[in-house]
N, C-alpha and C. Protein backbone atom coordinates (compact mmCIF):
# COMPACT_ATOMS: atom_id res chain seq x y z
N UNK A 1 -19.83 9.22 -18.84
CA UNK A 1 -19.02 8.99 -17.66
C UNK A 1 -17.58 9.41 -17.95
N UNK A 2 -17.01 10.14 -17.03
CA UNK A 2 -15.65 10.64 -17.19
C UNK A 2 -14.65 9.53 -16.92
N UNK A 3 -13.67 9.39 -17.80
CA UNK A 3 -12.60 8.42 -17.56
C UNK A 3 -11.62 8.99 -16.56
N UNK A 4 -11.14 8.15 -15.71
CA UNK A 4 -10.20 8.57 -14.68
C UNK A 4 -8.81 8.68 -15.28
N UNK A 5 -8.15 9.78 -15.02
CA UNK A 5 -6.77 9.96 -15.47
C UNK A 5 -5.87 9.03 -14.66
N UNK A 6 -4.72 8.70 -15.19
CA UNK A 6 -3.83 7.75 -14.52
C UNK A 6 -3.45 8.21 -13.12
N UNK A 7 -3.29 9.49 -12.88
CA UNK A 7 -2.89 9.98 -11.57
C UNK A 7 -4.02 10.13 -10.58
N UNK A 8 -5.28 10.04 -11.04
CA UNK A 8 -6.42 10.18 -10.14
C UNK A 8 -6.50 8.99 -9.20
N UNK A 9 -6.82 9.25 -7.95
CA UNK A 9 -6.99 8.19 -6.97
C UNK A 9 -8.47 8.03 -6.69
N UNK A 10 -9.03 6.84 -6.89
CA UNK A 10 -10.44 6.63 -6.62
C UNK A 10 -10.72 6.63 -5.13
N UNK A 11 -12.00 6.59 -4.75
CA UNK A 11 -12.38 6.62 -3.35
C UNK A 11 -11.76 5.49 -2.55
N UNK A 12 -11.48 4.37 -3.21
CA UNK A 12 -10.91 3.22 -2.50
C UNK A 12 -9.48 3.46 -2.05
N UNK A 13 -8.79 4.45 -2.60
CA UNK A 13 -7.43 4.76 -2.18
C UNK A 13 -6.35 4.09 -2.99
N UNK A 14 -6.71 3.38 -4.02
CA UNK A 14 -5.69 2.75 -4.86
C UNK A 14 -6.04 2.92 -6.33
N UNK A 15 -5.04 2.77 -7.17
CA UNK A 15 -5.24 2.91 -8.61
C UNK A 15 -4.86 1.61 -9.30
N UNK A 16 -5.15 1.51 -10.57
CA UNK A 16 -4.88 0.28 -11.32
C UNK A 16 -3.40 0.06 -11.58
N UNK A 17 -2.56 1.04 -11.28
CA UNK A 17 -1.14 0.90 -11.55
C UNK A 17 -0.32 0.69 -10.28
N UNK A 18 -0.97 0.40 -9.17
CA UNK A 18 -0.27 0.18 -7.91
C UNK A 18 0.14 -1.28 -7.77
N UNK A 19 1.18 -1.54 -6.99
CA UNK A 19 1.60 -2.91 -6.74
C UNK A 19 0.60 -3.57 -5.79
N UNK A 20 0.61 -4.89 -5.76
CA UNK A 20 -0.36 -5.64 -4.97
C UNK A 20 -0.26 -5.33 -3.48
N UNK A 21 0.93 -5.05 -2.98
CA UNK A 21 1.08 -4.71 -1.57
C UNK A 21 0.35 -3.41 -1.26
N UNK A 22 0.54 -2.40 -2.10
CA UNK A 22 -0.13 -1.12 -1.90
C UNK A 22 -1.65 -1.26 -1.99
N UNK A 23 -2.10 -2.04 -2.96
CA UNK A 23 -3.54 -2.26 -3.13
C UNK A 23 -4.13 -2.92 -1.89
N UNK A 24 -3.50 -3.99 -1.44
CA UNK A 24 -4.03 -4.72 -0.29
C UNK A 24 -3.96 -3.89 0.99
N UNK A 25 -2.92 -3.08 1.16
CA UNK A 25 -2.85 -2.19 2.32
C UNK A 25 -3.96 -1.14 2.26
N UNK A 26 -4.20 -0.59 1.08
CA UNK A 26 -5.24 0.42 0.93
C UNK A 26 -6.62 -0.15 1.23
N UNK A 27 -6.83 -1.40 0.88
CA UNK A 27 -8.12 -2.05 1.15
C UNK A 27 -8.18 -2.60 2.58
N UNK A 28 -7.09 -2.51 3.30
CA UNK A 28 -6.94 -3.07 4.64
C UNK A 28 -7.20 -4.58 4.63
N UNK A 29 -6.79 -5.22 3.53
CA UNK A 29 -6.95 -6.66 3.39
C UNK A 29 -5.66 -7.39 3.77
N UNK A 30 -4.64 -6.62 4.12
CA UNK A 30 -3.35 -7.18 4.49
C UNK A 30 -2.85 -6.41 5.70
N UNK A 31 -2.35 -7.14 6.68
CA UNK A 31 -1.80 -6.46 7.86
C UNK A 31 -0.41 -5.93 7.53
N UNK A 32 0.07 -4.99 8.31
CA UNK A 32 1.43 -4.49 8.07
C UNK A 32 2.49 -5.60 8.12
N UNK A 33 2.35 -6.57 9.03
CA UNK A 33 3.34 -7.65 9.09
C UNK A 33 3.25 -8.55 7.86
N UNK A 34 2.05 -8.81 7.35
CA UNK A 34 1.91 -9.58 6.11
C UNK A 34 2.52 -8.81 4.94
N UNK A 35 2.31 -7.50 4.93
CA UNK A 35 2.85 -6.67 3.85
C UNK A 35 4.37 -6.65 3.90
N UNK A 36 4.95 -6.59 5.09
CA UNK A 36 6.42 -6.63 5.20
C UNK A 36 6.97 -7.95 4.67
N UNK A 37 6.29 -9.04 4.99
CA UNK A 37 6.72 -10.34 4.50
C UNK A 37 6.63 -10.38 2.97
N UNK A 38 5.54 -9.87 2.43
CA UNK A 38 5.38 -9.84 0.97
C UNK A 38 6.42 -8.95 0.31
N UNK A 39 6.76 -7.84 0.95
CA UNK A 39 7.76 -6.93 0.40
C UNK A 39 9.12 -7.61 0.31
N UNK A 40 9.46 -8.42 1.30
CA UNK A 40 10.73 -9.15 1.26
C UNK A 40 10.77 -10.12 0.08
N UNK A 41 9.60 -10.61 -0.34
CA UNK A 41 9.54 -11.57 -1.44
C UNK A 41 9.53 -10.90 -2.82
N UNK A 42 9.25 -9.61 -2.86
CA UNK A 42 9.19 -8.90 -4.14
C UNK A 42 10.62 -8.64 -4.62
N UNK A 43 10.92 -9.03 -5.83
CA UNK A 43 12.28 -8.89 -6.34
C UNK A 43 12.41 -7.83 -7.42
N UNK A 44 11.31 -7.39 -8.00
CA UNK A 44 11.40 -6.49 -9.14
C UNK A 44 10.85 -5.10 -8.85
N UNK A 45 10.90 -4.66 -7.62
CA UNK A 45 10.48 -3.30 -7.29
C UNK A 45 11.70 -2.39 -7.28
N UNK A 46 11.52 -1.18 -7.80
CA UNK A 46 12.65 -0.25 -7.77
C UNK A 46 12.80 0.34 -6.37
N UNK A 47 13.96 0.90 -6.11
CA UNK A 47 14.28 1.41 -4.77
C UNK A 47 13.32 2.50 -4.32
N UNK A 48 12.89 3.34 -5.25
CA UNK A 48 11.97 4.41 -4.89
C UNK A 48 10.63 3.85 -4.41
N UNK A 49 10.15 2.83 -5.11
CA UNK A 49 8.87 2.26 -4.70
C UNK A 49 9.00 1.48 -3.39
N UNK A 50 10.10 0.82 -3.19
CA UNK A 50 10.33 0.13 -1.91
C UNK A 50 10.28 1.13 -0.77
N UNK A 51 10.90 2.29 -0.96
CA UNK A 51 10.87 3.34 0.07
C UNK A 51 9.44 3.82 0.29
N UNK A 52 8.67 3.95 -0.78
CA UNK A 52 7.27 4.37 -0.66
C UNK A 52 6.45 3.33 0.11
N UNK A 53 6.65 2.06 -0.20
CA UNK A 53 5.93 0.99 0.50
C UNK A 53 6.32 0.97 1.97
N UNK A 54 7.59 1.15 2.26
CA UNK A 54 8.04 1.16 3.66
C UNK A 54 7.41 2.32 4.43
N UNK A 55 7.27 3.46 3.78
CA UNK A 55 6.60 4.60 4.43
C UNK A 55 5.13 4.27 4.70
N UNK A 56 4.48 3.63 3.75
CA UNK A 56 3.08 3.23 3.95
C UNK A 56 2.97 2.22 5.08
N UNK A 57 3.94 1.32 5.17
CA UNK A 57 3.94 0.34 6.25
C UNK A 57 4.11 1.00 7.61
N UNK A 58 5.03 1.96 7.69
CA UNK A 58 5.22 2.68 8.97
C UNK A 58 3.93 3.39 9.37
N UNK A 59 3.25 4.00 8.39
CA UNK A 59 2.00 4.69 8.68
C UNK A 59 0.92 3.69 9.12
N UNK A 60 0.83 2.56 8.44
CA UNK A 60 -0.16 1.54 8.81
C UNK A 60 0.10 1.00 10.21
N UNK A 61 1.37 0.80 10.55
CA UNK A 61 1.73 0.33 11.88
C UNK A 61 1.38 1.37 12.94
N UNK A 62 1.64 2.64 12.64
CA UNK A 62 1.31 3.71 13.58
C UNK A 62 -0.21 3.81 13.76
N UNK A 63 -0.94 3.67 12.66
CA UNK A 63 -2.41 3.72 12.74
C UNK A 63 -2.94 2.54 13.56
N UNK A 64 -2.36 1.36 13.36
CA UNK A 64 -2.79 0.18 14.10
C UNK A 64 -2.49 0.33 15.59
N UNK A 65 -1.37 0.94 15.91
CA UNK A 65 -0.99 1.11 17.32
C UNK A 65 -1.92 2.09 18.04
N UNK A 66 -2.42 3.08 17.32
CA UNK A 66 -3.30 4.06 17.96
C UNK A 66 -4.75 3.60 18.03
N UNK A 67 -5.12 2.58 17.26
CA UNK A 67 -6.51 2.11 17.27
C UNK A 67 -6.70 0.84 18.08
N UNK A 68 -5.63 0.31 18.69
CA UNK A 68 -5.77 -0.89 19.51
C UNK A 68 -6.56 -0.54 20.77
N UNK A 69 -7.44 -1.46 21.20
CA UNK A 69 -8.23 -1.18 22.42
C UNK A 69 -7.42 -1.23 23.68
């Protein structure tokens, strides 16, 4: 069995080095509003990753808005 390189993304959409917010968003186990609340509570994320999480949140919110009945 081939070992996954650190940069490889598995079918689930997350890797073992992602923050919990990114993991839960990728699994759709957290809503965008829950993720925003969790992001406000995170104190040790660098600015680049905060920007990345915010972009993922905007995308999740846009996806949710287009899939509402």
